[in-house]
C-alpha atoms as a PDB file:
ATOM      1  CA  UNK A   1     -23.198 -11.946   4.048  1.00  0.00           C
ATOM      2  CA  UNK A   2     -20.665 -13.582   2.030  1.00  0.00           C
ATOM      3  CA  UNK A   3     -17.685 -15.334   3.552  1.00  0.00           C
ATOM      4  CA  UNK A   4     -15.430 -16.042   0.596  1.00  0.00           C
ATOM      5  CA  UNK A   5     -12.899 -13.453  -0.880  1.00  0.00           C
ATOM      6  CA  UNK A   6     -11.676 -15.707  -3.820  1.00  0.00           C
ATOM      7  CA  UNK A   7     -13.235 -13.136  -6.220  1.00  0.00           C
ATOM      8  CA  UNK A   8     -10.139 -11.139  -5.410  1.00  0.00           C
ATOM      9  CA  UNK A   9      -6.443 -11.641  -6.855  1.00  0.00           C
ATOM     10  CA  UNK A  10      -4.385 -13.763  -4.885  1.00  0.00           C
ATOM     11  CA  UNK A  11      -2.084 -10.966  -3.687  1.00  0.00           C
ATOM     12  CA  UNK A  12      -4.995  -9.046  -2.229  1.00  0.00           C
ATOM     13  CA  UNK A  13      -6.422 -12.176  -0.689  1.00  0.00           C
ATOM     14  CA  UNK A  14      -3.030 -12.629   1.074  1.00  0.00           C
ATOM     15  CA  UNK A  15      -2.829  -8.777   2.043  1.00  0.00           C
ATOM     16  CA  UNK A  16      -6.337  -9.152   3.604  1.00  0.00           C
ATOM     17  CA  UNK A  17      -5.434 -12.003   5.591  1.00  0.00           C
ATOM     18  CA  UNK A  18      -2.529 -10.277   6.987  1.00  0.00           C
ATOM     19  CA  UNK A  19      -4.749  -7.349   7.933  1.00  0.00           C
ATOM     20  CA  UNK A  20      -7.071  -9.494   9.728  1.00  0.00           C
ATOM     21  CA  UNK A  21      -4.450 -11.537  11.653  1.00  0.00           C
ATOM     22  CA  UNK A  22      -3.068  -7.984  12.418  1.00  0.00           C
ATOM     23  CA  UNK A  23      -6.375  -6.715  13.900  1.00  0.00           C
ATOM     24  CA  UNK A  24      -7.080 -10.074  15.506  1.00  0.00           C
ATOM     25  CA  UNK A  25      -3.692  -9.763  17.266  1.00  0.00           C
ATOM     26  CA  UNK A  26      -4.397  -6.496  18.669  1.00  0.00           C
ATOM     27  CA  UNK A  27      -8.297  -6.647  19.701  1.00  0.00           C
ATOM     28  CA  UNK A  28      -9.460 -10.083  19.200  1.00  0.00           C
ATOM     29  CA  UNK A  29     -11.201 -10.380  22.697  1.00  0.00           C
ATOM     30  CA  UNK A  30     -13.154  -7.201  21.544  1.00  0.00           C
ATOM     31  CA  UNK A  31     -14.262  -8.214  18.216  1.00  0.00           C
ATOM     32  CA  UNK A  32     -17.569  -9.687  17.177  1.00  0.00           C
ATOM     33  CA  UNK A  33     -16.881  -9.601  13.430  1.00  0.00           C
ATOM     34  CA  UNK A  34     -14.294  -8.092  10.752  1.00  0.00           C
ATOM     35  CA  UNK A  35     -16.183  -7.252   7.375  1.00  0.00           C
ATOM     36  CA  UNK A  36     -14.755  -6.165   4.008  1.00  0.00           C
ATOM     37  CA  UNK A  37     -17.270  -3.923   2.560  1.00  0.00           C
ATOM     38  CA  UNK A  38     -17.024  -1.442  -0.431  1.00  0.00           C
ATOM     39  CA  UNK A  39     -15.463  -1.710  -3.892  1.00  0.00           C
ATOM     40  CA  UNK A  40     -13.326  -4.641  -2.937  1.00  0.00           C
ATOM     41  CA  UNK A  41     -16.268  -6.679  -1.575  1.00  0.00           C
ATOM     42  CA  UNK A  42     -18.338  -5.672  -4.548  1.00  0.00           C
ATOM     43  CA  UNK A  43     -15.371  -6.509  -7.202  1.00  0.00           C
ATOM     44  CA  UNK A  44     -15.350  -3.123  -8.833  1.00  0.00           C
ATOM     45  CA  UNK A  45     -12.292  -1.479  -7.140  1.00  0.00           C
ATOM     46  CA  UNK A  46     -10.052   0.806  -9.192  1.00  0.00           C
ATOM     47  CA  UNK A  47      -6.415   0.808  -9.793  1.00  0.00           C
ATOM     48  CA  UNK A  48      -5.727   3.242 -12.206  1.00  0.00           C
ATOM     49  CA  UNK A  49      -1.901   4.922 -13.453  1.00  0.00           C
ATOM     50  CA  UNK A  50      -1.766   7.636 -16.067  1.00  0.00           C
ATOM     51  CA  UNK A  51       1.106   9.868 -17.010  1.00  0.00           C
ATOM     52  CA  UNK A  52       1.206  13.642 -17.500  1.00  0.00           C
ATOM     53  CA  UNK A  53       4.460  15.148 -18.417  1.00  0.00           C
ATOM     54  CA  UNK A  54       7.110  13.250 -16.584  1.00  0.00           C
ATOM     55  CA  UNK A  55       4.856  12.462 -13.577  1.00  0.00           C
ATOM     56  CA  UNK A  56       2.931   8.961 -13.262  1.00  0.00           C
ATOM     57  CA  UNK A  57      -0.342   9.320 -11.010  1.00  0.00           C
ATOM     58  CA  UNK A  58      -1.842   6.228  -9.507  1.00  0.00           C
ATOM     59  CA  UNK A  59      -5.376   6.289  -8.038  1.00  0.00           C
ATOM     60  CA  UNK A  60      -6.036   2.862  -6.148  1.00  0.00           C
ATOM     61  CA  UNK A  61      -9.282   2.217  -4.157  1.00  0.00           C
ATOM     62  CA  UNK A  62      -8.688   1.543  -0.438  1.00  0.00           C
ATOM     63  CA  UNK A  63      -9.975  -1.417   1.606  1.00  0.00           C
ATOM     64  CA  UNK A  64     -12.886  -0.464   3.693  1.00  0.00           C
ATOM     65  CA  UNK A  65     -13.283  -2.512   6.715  1.00  0.00           C
ATOM     66  CA  UNK A  66     -16.052  -2.532   9.581  1.00  0.00           C
ATOM     67  CA  UNK A  67     -14.946  -3.504  13.066  1.00  0.00           C
ATOM     68  CA  UNK A  68     -17.961  -4.935  14.898  1.00  0.00           C
ATOM     69  CA  UNK A  69     -17.039  -4.639  18.604  1.00  0.00           C
ATOM     70  CA  UNK A  70     -18.610  -6.544  21.458  1.00  0.00           C
ATOM     71  CA  UNK A  71     -19.218  -3.370  23.660  1.00  0.00           C
ATOM     72  CA  UNK A  72     -20.626   0.167  23.193  1.00  0.00           C
ATOM     73  CA  UNK A  73     -17.582   1.911  24.984  1.00  0.00           C
ATOM     74  CA  UNK A  74     -15.236   0.349  22.255  1.00  0.00           C
ATOM     75  CA  UNK A  75     -17.211   2.052  19.696  1.00  0.00           C
ATOM     76  CA  UNK A  76     -17.009   5.380  21.280  1.00  0.00           C
ATOM     77  CA  UNK A  77     -14.917   7.848  19.228  1.00  0.00           C
ATOM     78  CA  UNK A  78     -11.936   8.062  21.483  1.00  0.00           C
ATOM     79  CA  UNK A  79     -11.414   4.225  21.954  1.00  0.00           C
ATOM     80  CA  UNK A  80     -12.323   3.541  18.357  1.00  0.00           C
ATOM     81  CA  UNK A  81      -9.993   5.907  16.979  1.00  0.00           C
ATOM     82  CA  UNK A  82      -7.094   4.777  19.268  1.00  0.00           C
ATOM     83  CA  UNK A  83      -7.697   1.115  18.149  1.00  0.00           C
ATOM     84  CA  UNK A  84      -7.615   2.251  14.427  1.00  0.00           C
ATOM     85  CA  UNK A  85      -4.602   4.080  14.947  1.00  0.00           C
ATOM     86  CA  UNK A  86      -2.786   1.170  16.622  1.00  0.00           C
ATOM     87  CA  UNK A  87      -4.034  -1.171  13.681  1.00  0.00           C
ATOM     88  CA  UNK A  88      -2.657   1.380  11.015  1.00  0.00           C
ATOM     89  CA  UNK A  89       0.862   1.811  12.709  1.00  0.00           C
ATOM     90  CA  UNK A  90       1.079  -1.970  13.106  1.00  0.00           C
ATOM     91  CA  UNK A  91      -0.108  -2.449   9.054  1.00  0.00           C
ATOM     92  CA  UNK A  92       2.697   0.197   8.316  1.00  0.00           C
ATOM     93  CA  UNK A  93       5.238  -1.595  10.116  1.00  0.00           C
ATOM     94  CA  UNK A  94       4.329  -4.811   8.336  1.00  0.00           C
ATOM     95  CA  UNK A  95       4.316  -3.189   4.890  1.00  0.00           C
ATOM     96  CA  UNK A  96       0.514  -3.783   4.848  1.00  0.00           C
ATOM     97  CA  UNK A  97      -0.702  -0.378   4.239  1.00  0.00           C
ATOM     98  CA  UNK A  98      -0.910  -0.258   0.153  1.00  0.00           C
ATOM     99  CA  UNK A  99      -3.904  -0.074  -0.596  1.00  0.00           C
ATOM    100  CA  UNK A 100      -4.561   1.868   2.406  1.00  0.00           C
ATOM    101  CA  UNK A 101      -7.318   0.671   4.685  1.00  0.00           C
ATOM    102  CA  UNK A 102     -10.206   2.772   6.134  1.00  0.00           C
ATOM    103  CA  UNK A 103     -11.835   1.533   9.155  1.00  0.00           C
ATOM    104  CA  UNK A 104     -15.232   2.324  10.981  1.00  0.00           C
ATOM    105  CA  UNK A 105     -16.158   1.134  14.221  1.00  0.00           C
ATOM    106  CA  UNK A 106     -19.390  -0.101  15.385  1.00  0.00           C
ATOM    107  CA  UNK A 107     -20.803  -2.167  18.462  1.00  0.00           C
ATOM    108  CA  UNK A 108     -23.077  -5.275  17.533  1.00  0.00           C
ATOM    109  CA  UNK A 109     -26.062  -3.845  19.379  1.00  0.00           C
ATOM    110  CA  UNK A 110     -26.063  -0.461  17.477  1.00  0.00           C
ATOM    111  CA  UNK A 111     -25.071  -2.249  14.088  1.00  0.00           C
ATOM    112  CA  UNK A 112     -28.380  -4.681  14.449  1.00  0.00           C
ATOM    113  CA  UNK A 113     -30.349  -1.500  15.199  1.00  0.00           C
ATOM    114  CA  UNK A 114     -29.444   0.330  11.976  1.00  0.00           C
ATOM    115  CA  UNK A 115     -30.016  -2.832  10.248  1.00  0.00           C
ATOM    116  CA  UNK A 116     -33.398  -3.315  11.368  1.00  0.00           C
ATOM    117  CA  UNK A 117     -34.230   0.355  10.703  1.00  0.00           C
ATOM    118  CA  UNK A 118     -33.262  -0.175   7.062  1.00  0.00           C
ATOM    119  CA  UNK A 119     -30.231   2.141   7.185  1.00  0.00           C
ATOM    120  CA  UNK A 120     -29.051   1.355   3.558  1.00  0.00           C
ATOM    121  CA  UNK A 121     -25.380   1.926   4.316  1.00  0.00           C
ATOM    122  CA  UNK A 122     -25.305  -0.894   6.730  1.00  0.00           C
ATOM    123  CA  UNK A 123     -28.053  -3.020   4.554  1.00  0.00           C
ATOM    124  CA  UNK A 124     -25.782  -2.600   1.672  1.00  0.00           C
ATOM    125  CA  UNK A 125     -22.907  -3.849   3.860  1.00  0.00           C
ATOM    126  CA  UNK A 126     -24.906  -6.821   4.889  1.00  0.00           C
ATOM    127  CA  UNK A 127     -25.756  -7.369   1.193  1.00  0.00           C
ATOM    128  CA  UNK A 128     -22.580  -7.126  -0.135  1.00  0.00           C
ATOM    129  CA  UNK A 129     -19.958  -7.470   2.580  1.00  0.00           C
ATOM    130  CA  UNK A 130     -17.280 -10.175   3.158  1.00  0.00           C
ATOM    131  CA  UNK A 131     -16.711 -11.661   6.498  1.00  0.00           C
ATOM    132  CA  UNK A 132     -12.959 -11.823   7.297  1.00  0.00           C
ATOM    133  CA  UNK A 133     -13.798 -12.940  10.931  1.00  0.00           C
ATOM    134  CA  UNK A 134     -16.670 -13.986  12.919  1.00  0.00           C
ATOM    135  CA  UNK A 135     -16.514 -14.650  16.604  1.00  0.00           C
ATOM    136  CA  UNK A 136     -19.724 -16.973  16.448  1.00  0.00           C
ATOM    137  CA  UNK A 137     -21.157 -14.971  19.395  1.00  0.00           C
ATOM    138  CA  UNK A 138     -23.721 -12.963  17.673  1.00  0.00           C
ATOM    139  CA  UNK A 139     -25.930 -12.920  14.667  1.00  0.00           C
ATOM    140  CA  UNK A 140     -26.916  -9.955  12.444  1.00  0.00           C
ATOM    141  CA  UNK A 141     -30.409  -8.679  12.327  1.00  0.00           C
ATOM    142  CA  UNK A 142     -32.459  -8.887   9.450  1.00  0.00           C
ATOM    143  CA  UNK A 143     -32.446  -6.023   7.059  1.00  0.00           C
ATOM    144  CA  UNK A 144     -35.296  -3.680   7.407  1.00  0.00           C
ATOM    145  CA  UNK A 145     -36.799  -2.498   4.086  1.00  0.00           C
ATOM    146  CA  UNK A 146     -36.390   1.117   2.897  1.00  0.00           C
ATOM    147  CA  UNK A 147     -38.681   2.050  -0.032  1.00  0.00           C
ATOM    148  CA  UNK A 148     -36.783   3.309  -2.937  1.00  0.00           C
ATOM    149  CA  UNK A 149     -38.780   6.672  -2.940  1.00  0.00           C
ATOM    150  CA  UNK A 150     -37.580   7.412   0.650  1.00  0.00           C
ATOM    151  CA  UNK A 151     -34.014   6.485   0.043  1.00  0.00           C
ATOM    152  CA  UNK A 152     -34.091   9.016  -3.102  1.00  0.00           C
ATOM    153  CA  UNK A 153     -35.951  11.822  -0.780  1.00  0.00           C
ATOM    154  CA  UNK A 154     -33.299  11.026   1.962  1.00  0.00           C
ATOM    155  CA  UNK A 155     -30.458  11.472  -0.671  1.00  0.00           C
ATOM    156  CA  UNK A 156     -31.917  14.613  -1.950  1.00  0.00           C
ATOM    157  CA  UNK A 157     -32.002  16.227   1.566  1.00  0.00           C
ATOM    158  CA  UNK A 158     -28.693  15.300   2.573  1.00  0.00           C
ATOM    159  CA  UNK A 159     -27.164  16.672  -0.839  1.00  0.00           C
ATOM    160  CA  UNK A 160     -28.966  19.797  -0.310  1.00  0.00           C
ATOM    161  CA  UNK A 161     -27.944  20.305   3.288  1.00  0.00           C
ATOM    162  CA  UNK A 162     -24.211  19.550   2.822  1.00  0.00           C
ATOM    163  CA  UNK A 163     -23.651  21.179  -0.598  1.00  0.00           C
ATOM    164  CA  UNK A 164     -25.302  24.146   0.519  1.00  0.00           C
ATOM    165  CA  UNK A 165     -23.289  24.227   3.841  1.00  0.00           C
ATOM    166  CA  UNK A 166     -20.001  23.632   2.013  1.00  0.00           C
ATOM    167  CA  UNK A 167     -20.989  26.483  -0.282  1.00  0.00           C
ATOM    168  CA  UNK A 168     -21.127  28.828   2.726  1.00  0.00           C
ATOM    169  CA  UNK A 169     -17.693  27.820   3.988  1.00  0.00           C
ATOM    170  CA  UNK A 170     -16.310  28.160   0.552  1.00  0.00           C
ATOM    171  CA  UNK A 171     -17.627  31.787   0.215  1.00  0.00           C
ATOM    172  CA  UNK A 172     -16.190  32.496   3.855  1.00  0.00           C
ATOM    173  CA  UNK A 173     -12.698  31.352   2.443  1.00  0.00           C
ATOM    174  CA  UNK A 174     -12.919  33.634  -0.372  1.00  0.00           C
ATOM    175  CA  UNK A 175     -13.929  36.601   1.862  1.00  0.00           C
ATOM    176  CA  UNK A 176     -11.001  35.713   4.223  1.00  0.00           C
ATOM    177  CA  UNK A 177      -8.782  35.121   1.449  1.00  0.00           C
ATOM    178  CA  UNK A 178      -9.521  38.573  -0.087  1.00  0.00           C
ATOM    179  CA  UNK A 179      -8.749  40.315   3.276  1.00  0.00           C
ATOM    180  CA  UNK A 180      -5.419  38.303   3.690  1.00  0.00           C
ATOM    181  CA  UNK A 181      -6.433  36.615   6.746  1.00  0.00           C
ATOM    182  CA  UNK A 182      -5.100  33.334   5.443  1.00  0.00           C
ATOM    183  CA  UNK A 183      -5.239  31.185   8.587  1.00  0.00           C
ATOM    184  CA  UNK A 184      -9.006  32.127   8.840  1.00  0.00           C
ATOM    185  CA  UNK A 185      -9.308  31.285   5.114  1.00  0.00           C
ATOM    186  CA  UNK A 186      -7.563  27.927   5.415  1.00  0.00           C
ATOM    187  CA  UNK A 187      -9.914  26.792   8.263  1.00  0.00           C
ATOM    188  CA  UNK A 188     -12.947  27.679   6.063  1.00  0.00           C
ATOM    189  CA  UNK A 189     -11.431  25.957   3.170  1.00  0.00           C
ATOM    190  CA  UNK A 190     -11.079  22.668   5.390  1.00  0.00           C
ATOM    191  CA  UNK A 191     -14.524  22.844   6.514  1.00  0.00           C
ATOM    192  CA  UNK A 192     -15.613  23.414   2.796  1.00  0.00           C
ATOM    193  CA  UNK A 193     -13.772  20.283   1.698  1.00  0.00           C
ATOM    194  CA  UNK A 194     -15.089  18.154   4.721  1.00  0.00           C
ATOM    195  CA  UNK A 195     -18.562  18.986   3.996  1.00  0.00           C
ATOM    196  CA  UNK A 196     -18.382  18.397   0.183  1.00  0.00           C
ATOM    197  CA  UNK A 197     -17.078  14.911   1.092  1.00  0.00           C
ATOM    198  CA  UNK A 198     -20.118  14.435   3.490  1.00  0.00           C
ATOM    199  CA  UNK A 199     -22.288  15.549   0.593  1.00  0.00           C
ATOM    200  CA  UNK A 200     -20.959  12.548  -1.217  1.00  0.00           C
ATOM    201  CA  UNK A 201     -21.106   9.915   1.657  1.00  0.00           C
ATOM    202  CA  UNK A 202     -24.387  10.964   2.865  1.00  0.00           C
ATOM    203  CA  UNK A 203     -26.012  11.121  -0.697  1.00  0.00           C
ATOM    204  CA  UNK A 204     -24.843   7.686  -1.547  1.00  0.00           C
ATOM    205  CA  UNK A 205     -24.992   5.863   1.877  1.00  0.00           C
ATOM    206  CA  UNK A 206     -26.595   7.734   4.605  1.00  0.00           C
ATOM    207  CA  UNK A 207     -23.677   7.219   6.609  1.00  0.00           C
ATOM    208  CA  UNK A 208     -21.684  10.131   8.200  1.00  0.00           C
ATOM    209  CA  UNK A 209     -18.382   9.183   9.994  1.00  0.00           C
ATOM    210  CA  UNK A 210     -17.460  11.329  13.008  1.00  0.00           C
ATOM    211  CA  UNK A 211     -13.970  12.000  11.507  1.00  0.00           C
ATOM    212  CA  UNK A 212     -12.951  15.699  10.490  1.00  0.00           C
ATOM    213  CA  UNK A 213      -9.888  13.902   8.821  1.00  0.00           C
ATOM    214  CA  UNK A 214     -10.296  15.098   5.168  1.00  0.00           C
ATOM    215  CA  UNK A 215      -7.631  12.467   3.982  1.00  0.00           C
ATOM    216  CA  UNK A 216      -9.774   9.640   5.386  1.00  0.00           C
ATOM    217  CA  UNK A 217     -12.897  11.538   3.911  1.00  0.00           C
ATOM    218  CA  UNK A 218     -11.538  11.763   0.774  1.00  0.00           C
ATOM    219  CA  UNK A 219     -10.425   8.100   0.521  1.00  0.00           C
ATOM    220  CA  UNK A 220     -14.001   7.054   1.540  1.00  0.00           C
ATOM    221  CA  UNK A 221     -15.595   9.196  -1.210  1.00  0.00           C
ATOM    222  CA  UNK A 222     -13.177   8.222  -3.717  1.00  0.00           C
ATOM    223  CA  UNK A 223     -14.167   4.515  -3.330  1.00  0.00           C
ATOM    224  CA  UNK A 224     -17.765   5.833  -4.454  1.00  0.00           C
ATOM    225  CA  UNK A 225     -16.395   7.924  -7.266  1.00  0.00           C
ATOM    226  CA  UNK A 226     -12.900   7.462  -8.788  1.00  0.00           C
ATOM    227  CA  UNK A 227     -12.760  10.999 -10.099  1.00  0.00           C
ATOM    228  CA  UNK A 228     -12.645  12.134  -6.511  1.00  0.00           C
ATOM    229  CA  UNK A 229      -9.114  10.563  -6.133  1.00  0.00           C
ATOM    230  CA  UNK A 230      -7.725  13.256  -8.535  1.00  0.00           C
ATOM    231  CA  UNK A 231      -8.767  16.155  -6.604  1.00  0.00           C
ATOM    232  CA  UNK A 232      -5.802  16.508  -4.339  1.00  0.00           C
ATOM    233  CA  UNK A 233      -2.819  14.997  -5.921  1.00  0.00           C
ATOM    234  CA  UNK A 234       0.189  14.383  -3.899  1.00  0.00           C
ATOM    235  CA  UNK A 235       3.028  13.633  -6.369  1.00  0.00           C
ATOM    236  CA  UNK A 236       5.129  16.711  -5.813  1.00  0.00           C
ATOM    237  CA  UNK A 237       6.566  18.420  -2.900  1.00  0.00           C
ATOM    238  CA  UNK A 238       4.384  21.513  -3.475  1.00  0.00           C
ATOM    239  CA  UNK A 239       1.253  19.514  -3.720  1.00  0.00           C
ATOM    240  CA  UNK A 240       2.025  17.428  -0.619  1.00  0.00           C
ATOM    241  CA  UNK A 241       2.730  20.637   1.245  1.00  0.00           C
ATOM    242  CA  UNK A 242      -0.447  22.033   0.347  1.00  0.00           C
ATOM    243  CA  UNK A 243      -2.699  19.135   1.203  1.00  0.00           C
ATOM    244  CA  UNK A 244      -0.870  18.813   4.572  1.00  0.00           C
ATOM    245  CA  UNK A 245      -1.603  22.544   5.514  1.00  0.00           C
ATOM    246  CA  UNK A 246      -5.036  22.061   4.475  1.00  0.00           C
ATOM    247  CA  UNK A 247      -5.480  18.788   6.639  1.00  0.00           C
ATOM    248  CA  UNK A 248      -3.756  20.376   9.598  1.00  0.00           C
ATOM    249  CA  UNK A 249      -5.989  23.591   9.157  1.00  0.00           C
ATOM    250  CA  UNK A 250      -8.994  22.151  11.240  1.00  0.00           C
ATOM    251  CA  UNK A 251      -6.813  22.477  14.376  1.00  0.00           C
ATOM    252  CA  UNK A 252      -3.771  24.436  13.695  1.00  0.00           C
ATOM    253  CA  UNK A 253      -5.183  27.377  11.771  1.00  0.00           C
ATOM    254  CA  UNK A 254      -7.286  28.186  14.684  1.00  0.00           C
ATOM    255  CA  UNK A 255      -5.217  27.343  17.707  1.00  0.00           C
ATOM    256  CA  UNK A 256      -1.508  27.496  16.871  1.00  0.00           C
ATOM    257  CA  UNK A 257       0.207  30.824  16.248  1.00  0.00           C
ATOM    258  CA  UNK A 258       2.998  29.024  14.241  1.00  0.00           C
ATOM    259  CA  UNK A 259       0.498  27.862  11.588  1.00  0.00           C
ATOM    260  CA  UNK A 260       1.563  29.663   8.265  1.00  0.00           C
ATOM    261  CA  UNK A 261       0.019  29.305   4.896  1.00  0.00           C
ATOM    262  CA  UNK A 262       0.505  31.547   1.995  1.00  0.00           C
ATOM    263  CA  UNK A 263      -1.350  33.253  -0.963  1.00  0.00           C
ATOM    264  CA  UNK A 264       0.213  30.846  -3.520  1.00  0.00           C
ATOM    265  CA  UNK A 265      -0.810  27.794  -1.430  1.00  0.00           C
ATOM    266  CA  UNK A 266      -4.394  29.129  -0.960  1.00  0.00           C
ATOM    267  CA  UNK A 267      -4.593  30.083  -4.512  1.00  0.00           C
ATOM    268  CA  UNK A 268      -3.928  26.513  -5.652  1.00  0.00           C
ATOM    269  CA  UNK A 269      -5.994  24.934  -2.747  1.00  0.00           C
ATOM    270  CA  UNK A 270      -9.029  27.134  -3.846  1.00  0.00           C
ATOM    271  CA  UNK A 271      -8.800  25.929  -7.491  1.00  0.00           C
ATOM    272  CA  UNK A 272      -8.930  22.290  -6.348  1.00  0.00           C
ATOM    273  CA  UNK A 273     -11.836  22.763  -4.141  1.00  0.00           C
ATOM    274  CA  UNK A 274     -13.618  24.800  -7.140  1.00  0.00           C
ATOM    275  CA  UNK A 275     -13.004  21.231  -8.909  1.00  0.00           C
ATOM    276  CA  UNK A 276     -14.134  19.287  -6.076  1.00  0.00           C
ATOM    277  CA  UNK A 277     -17.255  21.194  -5.983  1.00  0.00           C
ATOM    278  CA  UNK A 278     -18.021  20.639  -9.800  1.00  0.00           C
ATOM    279  CA  UNK A 279     -17.343  16.698  -9.332  1.00  0.00           C
ATOM    280  CA  UNK A 280     -19.443  16.398  -6.024  1.00  0.00           C
ATOM    281  CA  UNK A 281     -22.357  18.191  -7.729  1.00  0.00           C
ATOM    282  CA  UNK A 282     -22.270  15.981 -10.935  1.00  0.00           C
ATOM    283  CA  UNK A 283     -21.672  12.839  -9.041  1.00  0.00           C
ATOM    284  CA  UNK A 284     -24.502  13.425  -6.413  1.00  0.00           C
ATOM    285  CA  UNK A 285     -26.934  14.566  -8.965  1.00  0.00           C
ATOM    286  CA  UNK A 286     -26.352  11.527 -10.891  1.00  0.00           C
ATOM    287  CA  UNK A 287     -26.829   9.117  -7.855  1.00  0.00           C
ATOM    288  CA  UNK A 288     -30.052  10.903  -6.958  1.00  0.00           C
ATOM    289  CA  UNK A 289     -31.320  10.409 -10.529  1.00  0.00           C
ATOM    290  CA  UNK A 290     -30.441   6.539 -10.349  1.00  0.00           C
ATOM    291  CA  UNK A 291     -32.297   6.468  -6.923  1.00  0.00           C
ATOM    292  CA  UNK A 292     -35.211   7.918  -8.724  1.00  0.00           C
ATOM    293  CA  UNK A 293     -35.200   5.427 -11.796  1.00  0.00           C
ATOM    294  CA  UNK A 294     -35.279   2.543  -8.701  1.00  0.00           C
ATOM    295  CA  UNK A 295     -38.228   4.452  -7.361  1.00  0.00           C
ATOM    296  CA  UNK A 296     -40.032   4.506 -10.780  1.00  0.00           C
ATOM    297  CA  UNK A 297     -39.051   0.677 -11.662  1.00  0.00           C
ATOM    298  CA  UNK A 298     -40.425  -0.219  -8.217  1.00  0.00           C
ATOM    299  CA  UNK A 299     -43.751   1.582  -8.605  1.00  0.00           C
ATOM    300  CA  UNK A 300     -44.289  -0.116 -12.019  1.00  0.00           C
ATOM    301  CA  UNK A 301     -44.067  -3.386 -10.507  1.00  0.00           C
ATOM    302  CA  UNK A 302     -46.965  -2.795  -7.982  1.00  0.00           C
END
């Protein structure tokens, strides 16, 4: 794994140093490593602006950071979520939250097991990642080898499952919408979005985060395909309102009588999810085809 981030512009190097220091200030004793991965580690991040009418849109890749903790308890969902939330609050106070930062947390034992098994999400991180902090107490396991044909088969299986599952919830959304059961429709639409993002993440990486936060999932998927950044624009009050309603529907639409969403908002969101569905299918089929090309190339070398 590389240790330098000098391939990045100076202002991004400085920002990452600030993020690293913030993390260490909050959790140094619990950390084995801090690793930058994804588009900024590879050097193919996106920072695009364009104007439609009088509105300027910006789509910017997020920082992806793996927190490797010493103990398994710190990687459990509740503890990991608390740590990540505390870091995010500190970053916001210190104005270090643009680009936004996505965290995933795993303990060193689990990470090394996944590396040994050839999990391609983590083997890619080991190959492409950049170490921002290393306690020096542990060594990463050697990367297990996953044959290209197996990676393609896994990607196809994941896409088939999650895309079909998302489609089922999208049909349920339409049914509830037609019957004016708008809260139920919102919940089903949230579940469709969550599963479309999982289709992207699992097809490309074989990794499924435990989060139900469609904002976080959307950022992670957008770092793999920049077109996905455009699915839910939040540049007008109406766009922001609609997305926040959809984001909160996972809990509020089921359990809060105060949750309200109307026909106009759901019509708009349904159209955006139709677009998401099209983009996900196109992108995932392209990735699976690329894995297939790798399989053919590997077979020719034998």
